[in-house]
Structure formats: C-alpha cells, structure tokens
Amino acid sequence: IANMAYAVFQGLMYGTRSAIMMDV
C-alpha cells in the first residue's frame, strides 16, 4: 500500500522537477 502510493507521488514529482530547474 505504502509503496504504490509513494510511486504515484514520486512519478508526479519527477514529471515536474526538471521544469522547475529549467526556470532558473
């Protein structure tokens, strides 16, 4: 349960973090 929930939020994070770094 914990691992599948974590996979959701980790995936969401990876899909956004690179764009933040491009902004700066």
PDB file of all heavy atoms in Angstrom:
ATOM      1  N   ILE A   1       0.836  -1.209   0.000  1.00  0.00           N
ATOM      2  CA  ILE A   1       0.000   0.000   0.000  1.00  0.00           C
ATOM      3  C   ILE A   1       0.868   1.255   0.000  1.00  0.00           C
ATOM      4  O   ILE A   1       0.673   2.178  -0.801  1.00  0.00           O
ATOM      5  CB  ILE A   1      -0.942   0.002   1.228  1.00  0.00           C
ATOM      6  CG1 ILE A   1      -1.955  -1.141   1.115  1.00  0.00           C
ATOM      7  CG2 ILE A   1      -1.652   1.350   1.363  1.00  0.00           C
ATOM      8  CD1 ILE A   1      -2.805  -1.332   2.356  1.00  0.00           C
ATOM      9  N   ALA A   2       1.854   1.286   0.911  1.00  0.00           N
ATOM     10  CA  ALA A   2       2.712   2.464   1.020  1.00  0.00           C
ATOM     11  C   ALA A   2       3.538   2.661  -0.249  1.00  0.00           C
ATOM     12  O   ALA A   2       3.694   3.789  -0.738  1.00  0.00           O
ATOM     13  CB  ALA A   2       3.629   2.314   2.233  1.00  0.00           C
ATOM     14  N   ASN A   3       4.038   1.567  -0.799  1.00  0.00           N
ATOM     15  CA  ASN A   3       4.922   1.677  -1.949  1.00  0.00           C
ATOM     16  C   ASN A   3       4.179   2.140  -3.202  1.00  0.00           C
ATOM     17  O   ASN A   3       4.699   2.951  -3.982  1.00  0.00           O
ATOM     18  CB  ASN A   3       5.591   0.328  -2.224  1.00  0.00           C
ATOM     19  CG  ASN A   3       6.924   0.474  -2.914  1.00  0.00           C
ATOM     20  OD1 ASN A   3       7.874   0.980  -2.324  1.00  0.00           O
ATOM     21  ND2 ASN A   3       6.999   0.064  -4.158  1.00  0.00           N
ATOM     22  N   MET A   4       2.968   1.653  -3.418  1.00  0.00           N
ATOM     23  CA  MET A   4       2.211   2.066  -4.590  1.00  0.00           C
ATOM     24  C   MET A   4       1.785   3.534  -4.481  1.00  0.00           C
ATOM     25  O   MET A   4       1.812   4.279  -5.474  1.00  0.00           O
ATOM     26  CB  MET A   4       0.992   1.165  -4.776  1.00  0.00           C
ATOM     27  CG  MET A   4       1.333  -0.292  -5.106  1.00  0.00           C
ATOM     28  SD  MET A   4       2.445  -0.468  -6.532  1.00  0.00           S
ATOM     29  CE  MET A   4       1.400   0.187  -7.826  1.00  0.00           C
ATOM     30  N   ALA A   5       1.401   3.957  -3.270  1.00  0.00           N
ATOM     31  CA  ALA A   5       1.053   5.365  -3.074  1.00  0.00           C
ATOM     32  C   ALA A   5       2.282   6.244  -3.302  1.00  0.00           C
ATOM     33  O   ALA A   5       2.205   7.318  -3.916  1.00  0.00           O
ATOM     34  CB  ALA A   5       0.497   5.583  -1.670  1.00  0.00           C
ATOM     35  N   TYR A   6       3.408   5.779  -2.803  1.00  0.00           N
ATOM     36  CA  TYR A   6       4.652   6.537  -2.986  1.00  0.00           C
ATOM     37  C   TYR A   6       5.007   6.651  -4.462  1.00  0.00           C
ATOM     38  O   TYR A   6       5.456   7.711  -4.922  1.00  0.00           O
ATOM     39  CB  TYR A   6       5.778   5.837  -2.219  1.00  0.00           C
ATOM     40  CG  TYR A   6       7.128   6.503  -2.378  1.00  0.00           C
ATOM     41  CD1 TYR A   6       7.472   7.589  -1.579  1.00  0.00           C
ATOM     42  CD2 TYR A   6       8.051   6.047  -3.316  1.00  0.00           C
ATOM     43  CE1 TYR A   6       8.707   8.202  -1.720  1.00  0.00           C
ATOM     44  CE2 TYR A   6       9.281   6.662  -3.464  1.00  0.00           C
ATOM     45  CZ  TYR A   6       9.607   7.730  -2.664  1.00  0.00           C
ATOM     46  OH  TYR A   6      10.833   8.335  -2.808  1.00  0.00           O
ATOM     47  N   ALA A   7       4.806   5.578  -5.225  1.00  0.00           N
ATOM     48  CA  ALA A   7       5.126   5.584  -6.660  1.00  0.00           C
ATOM     49  C   ALA A   7       4.322   6.651  -7.394  1.00  0.00           C
ATOM     50  O   ALA A   7       4.824   7.286  -8.343  1.00  0.00           O
ATOM     51  CB  ALA A   7       4.861   4.210  -7.259  1.00  0.00           C
ATOM     52  N   VAL A   8       3.082   6.866  -6.965  1.00  0.00           N
ATOM     53  CA  VAL A   8       2.237   7.890  -7.589  1.00  0.00           C
ATOM     54  C   VAL A   8       2.857   9.273  -7.404  1.00  0.00           C
ATOM     55  O   VAL A   8       3.066  10.021  -8.368  1.00  0.00           O
ATOM     56  CB  VAL A   8       0.818   7.854  -6.996  1.00  0.00           C
ATOM     57  CG1 VAL A   8       0.013   9.072  -7.460  1.00  0.00           C
ATOM     58  CG2 VAL A   8       0.105   6.569  -7.383  1.00  0.00           C
ATOM     59  N   PHE A   9       3.163   9.626  -6.154  1.00  0.00           N
ATOM     60  CA  PHE A   9       3.666  10.973  -5.878  1.00  0.00           C
ATOM     61  C   PHE A   9       5.097  11.160  -6.373  1.00  0.00           C
ATOM     62  O   PHE A   9       5.468  12.253  -6.797  1.00  0.00           O
ATOM     63  CB  PHE A   9       3.567  11.265  -4.380  1.00  0.00           C
ATOM     64  CG  PHE A   9       2.157  11.302  -3.876  1.00  0.00           C
ATOM     65  CD1 PHE A   9       1.705  10.368  -2.953  1.00  0.00           C
ATOM     66  CD2 PHE A   9       1.270  12.256  -4.341  1.00  0.00           C
ATOM     67  CE1 PHE A   9       0.403  10.391  -2.497  1.00  0.00           C
ATOM     68  CE2 PHE A   9      -0.039  12.296  -3.890  1.00  0.00           C
ATOM     69  CZ  PHE A   9      -0.478  11.362  -2.969  1.00  0.00           C
ATOM     70  N   GLN A  10       5.895  10.088  -6.340  1.00  0.00           N
ATOM     71  CA  GLN A  10       7.239  10.191  -6.882  1.00  0.00           C
ATOM     72  C   GLN A  10       7.196  10.450  -8.391  1.00  0.00           C
ATOM     73  O   GLN A  10       7.948  11.275  -8.913  1.00  0.00           O
ATOM     74  CB  GLN A  10       8.029   8.921  -6.593  1.00  0.00           C
ATOM     75  CG  GLN A  10       9.491   9.005  -7.049  1.00  0.00           C
ATOM     76  CD  GLN A  10      10.203   7.675  -6.969  1.00  0.00           C
ATOM     77  OE1 GLN A  10       9.664   6.646  -7.362  1.00  0.00           O
ATOM     78  NE2 GLN A  10      11.417   7.679  -6.440  1.00  0.00           N
ATOM     79  N   GLY A  11       6.315   9.756  -9.096  1.00  0.00           N
ATOM     80  CA  GLY A  11       6.167   9.978 -10.524  1.00  0.00           C
ATOM     81  C   GLY A  11       5.700  11.389 -10.834  1.00  0.00           C
ATOM     82  O   GLY A  11       6.220  12.047 -11.745  1.00  0.00           O
ATOM     83  N   LEU A  12       4.717  11.884 -10.077  1.00  0.00           N
ATOM     84  CA  LEU A  12       4.247  13.252 -10.267  1.00  0.00           C
ATOM     85  C   LEU A  12       5.383  14.249 -10.067  1.00  0.00           C
ATOM     86  O   LEU A  12       5.516  15.235 -10.804  1.00  0.00           O
ATOM     87  CB  LEU A  12       3.103  13.546  -9.293  1.00  0.00           C
ATOM     88  CG  LEU A  12       1.798  12.769  -9.501  1.00  0.00           C
ATOM     89  CD1 LEU A  12       0.841  13.021  -8.342  1.00  0.00           C
ATOM     90  CD2 LEU A  12       1.134  13.170 -10.820  1.00  0.00           C
ATOM     91  N   MET A  13       6.213  13.981  -9.050  1.00  0.00           N
ATOM     92  CA  MET A  13       7.336  14.880  -8.754  1.00  0.00           C
ATOM     93  C   MET A  13       8.349  14.889  -9.894  1.00  0.00           C
ATOM     94  O   MET A  13       8.776  15.953 -10.347  1.00  0.00           O
ATOM     95  CB  MET A  13       8.003  14.440  -7.448  1.00  0.00           C
ATOM     96  CG  MET A  13       9.197  15.302  -7.024  1.00  0.00           C
ATOM     97  SD  MET A  13      10.786  14.796  -7.764  1.00  0.00           S
ATOM     98  CE  MET A  13      11.010  13.175  -7.046  1.00  0.00           C
ATOM     99  N   TYR A  14       8.719  13.705 -10.393  1.00  0.00           N
ATOM    100  CA  TYR A  14       9.705  13.632 -11.459  1.00  0.00           C
ATOM    101  C   TYR A  14       9.213  14.333 -12.722  1.00  0.00           C
ATOM    102  O   TYR A  14      10.005  14.878 -13.502  1.00  0.00           O
ATOM    103  CB  TYR A  14      10.041  12.174 -11.781  1.00  0.00           C
ATOM    104  CG  TYR A  14      11.187  11.626 -10.968  1.00  0.00           C
ATOM    105  CD1 TYR A  14      11.007  10.537 -10.114  1.00  0.00           C
ATOM    106  CD2 TYR A  14      12.449  12.191 -11.047  1.00  0.00           C
ATOM    107  CE1 TYR A  14      12.056  10.025  -9.367  1.00  0.00           C
ATOM    108  CE2 TYR A  14      13.502  11.693 -10.309  1.00  0.00           C
ATOM    109  CZ  TYR A  14      13.299  10.611  -9.470  1.00  0.00           C
ATOM    110  OH  TYR A  14      14.345  10.121  -8.733  1.00  0.00           O
ATOM    111  N   GLY A  15       7.912  14.322 -12.945  1.00  0.00           N
ATOM    112  CA  GLY A  15       7.368  14.964 -14.132  1.00  0.00           C
ATOM    113  C   GLY A  15       7.393  16.477 -14.077  1.00  0.00           C
ATOM    114  O   GLY A  15       7.124  17.157 -15.063  1.00  0.00           O
ATOM    115  N   THR A  16       7.720  17.032 -12.895  1.00  0.00           N
ATOM    116  CA  THR A  16       7.674  18.481 -12.697  1.00  0.00           C
ATOM    117  C   THR A  16       9.019  19.076 -12.339  1.00  0.00           C
ATOM    118  O   THR A  16       9.329  20.209 -12.704  1.00  0.00           O
ATOM    119  CB  THR A  16       6.658  18.817 -11.576  1.00  0.00           C
ATOM    120  OG1 THR A  16       5.412  18.178 -11.869  1.00  0.00           O
ATOM    121  CG2 THR A  16       6.436  20.312 -11.466  1.00  0.00           C
ATOM    122  N   ARG A  17       9.847  18.314 -11.625  1.00  0.00           N
ATOM    123  CA  ARG A  17      11.074  18.877 -11.065  1.00  0.00           C
ATOM    124  C   ARG A  17      12.004  19.435 -12.136  1.00  0.00           C
ATOM    125  O   ARG A  17      12.581  20.520 -11.968  1.00  0.00           O
ATOM    126  CB  ARG A  17      11.807  17.808 -10.246  1.00  0.00           C
ATOM    127  CG  ARG A  17      13.052  18.317  -9.563  1.00  0.00           C
ATOM    128  CD  ARG A  17      13.750  17.233  -8.777  1.00  0.00           C
ATOM    129  NE  ARG A  17      14.164  16.121  -9.612  1.00  0.00           N
ATOM    130  CZ  ARG A  17      15.001  15.170  -9.200  1.00  0.00           C
ATOM    131  NH1 ARG A  17      15.482  15.214  -7.975  1.00  0.00           N
ATOM    132  NH2 ARG A  17      15.332  14.179 -10.012  1.00  0.00           N
ATOM    133  N   SER A  18      12.158  18.709 -13.242  1.00  0.00           N
ATOM    134  CA  SER A  18      13.072  19.177 -14.283  1.00  0.00           C
ATOM    135  C   SER A  18      12.650  20.530 -14.834  1.00  0.00           C
ATOM    136  O   SER A  18      13.485  21.384 -15.134  1.00  0.00           O
ATOM    137  CB  SER A  18      13.156  18.151 -15.418  1.00  0.00           C
ATOM    138  OG  SER A  18      13.749  16.957 -14.973  1.00  0.00           O
ATOM    139  N   ALA A  19      11.324  20.730 -14.962  1.00  0.00           N
ATOM    140  CA  ALA A  19      10.830  22.002 -15.483  1.00  0.00           C
ATOM    141  C   ALA A  19      11.172  23.153 -14.540  1.00  0.00           C
ATOM    142  O   ALA A  19      11.487  24.268 -14.985  1.00  0.00           O
ATOM    143  CB  ALA A  19       9.321  21.927 -15.697  1.00  0.00           C
ATOM    144  N   ILE A  20      11.127  22.904 -13.230  1.00  0.00           N
ATOM    145  CA  ILE A  20      11.493  23.930 -12.251  1.00  0.00           C
ATOM    146  C   ILE A  20      12.946  24.342 -12.427  1.00  0.00           C
ATOM    147  O   ILE A  20      13.293  25.529 -12.400  1.00  0.00           O
ATOM    148  CB  ILE A  20      11.257  23.403 -10.817  1.00  0.00           C
ATOM    149  CG1 ILE A  20       9.758  23.349 -10.508  1.00  0.00           C
ATOM    150  CG2 ILE A  20      11.984  24.278  -9.792  1.00  0.00           C
ATOM    151  CD1 ILE A  20       9.123  24.683 -10.260  1.00  0.00           C
ATOM    152  N   MET A  21      13.811  23.351 -12.622  1.00  0.00           N
ATOM    153  CA  MET A  21      15.231  23.661 -12.779  1.00  0.00           C
ATOM    154  C   MET A  21      15.476  24.435 -14.074  1.00  0.00           C
ATOM    155  O   MET A  21      16.376  25.275 -14.136  1.00  0.00           O
ATOM    156  CB  MET A  21      16.065  22.385 -12.757  1.00  0.00           C
ATOM    157  CG  MET A  21      15.872  21.508 -11.538  1.00  0.00           C
ATOM    158  SD  MET A  21      15.853  22.408  -9.964  1.00  0.00           S
ATOM    159  CE  MET A  21      17.485  23.116  -9.943  1.00  0.00           C
ATOM    160  N   MET A  22      14.673  24.169 -15.110  1.00  0.00           N
ATOM    161  CA  MET A  22      14.805  24.928 -16.353  1.00  0.00           C
ATOM    162  C   MET A  22      14.423  26.391 -16.141  1.00  0.00           C
ATOM    163  O   MET A  22      14.982  27.292 -16.775  1.00  0.00           O
ATOM    164  CB  MET A  22      13.934  24.311 -17.443  1.00  0.00           C
ATOM    165  CG  MET A  22      14.411  22.952 -17.920  1.00  0.00           C
ATOM    166  SD  MET A  22      13.294  22.254 -19.164  1.00  0.00           S
ATOM    167  CE  MET A  22      13.947  20.580 -19.265  1.00  0.00           C
ATOM    168  N   ASP A  23      13.474  26.639 -15.222  1.00  0.00           N
ATOM    169  CA  ASP A  23      13.027  28.001 -14.968  1.00  0.00           C
ATOM    170  C   ASP A  23      14.148  28.882 -14.428  1.00  0.00           C
ATOM    171  O   ASP A  23      14.168  30.089 -14.676  1.00  0.00           O
ATOM    172  CB  ASP A  23      11.862  28.003 -13.973  1.00  0.00           C
ATOM    173  CG  ASP A  23      10.568  27.506 -14.600  1.00  0.00           C
ATOM    174  OD1 ASP A  23      10.503  27.447 -15.840  1.00  0.00           O
ATOM    175  OD2 ASP A  23       9.640  27.164 -13.847  1.00  0.00           O
ATOM    176  N   VAL A  24      15.062  28.293 -13.644  1.00  0.00           N
ATOM    177  CA  VAL A  24      16.131  29.090 -13.039  1.00  0.00           C
ATOM    178  C   VAL A  24      17.443  28.950 -13.805  1.00  0.00           C
ATOM    179  O   VAL A  24      18.488  29.414 -13.355  1.00  0.00           O
ATOM    180  CB  VAL A  24      16.339  28.690 -11.559  1.00  0.00           C
ATOM    181  CG1 VAL A  24      15.087  28.976 -10.755  1.00  0.00           C
ATOM    182  CG2 VAL A  24      16.735  27.229 -11.431  1.00  0.00           C
TER     183      VAL A  24
END
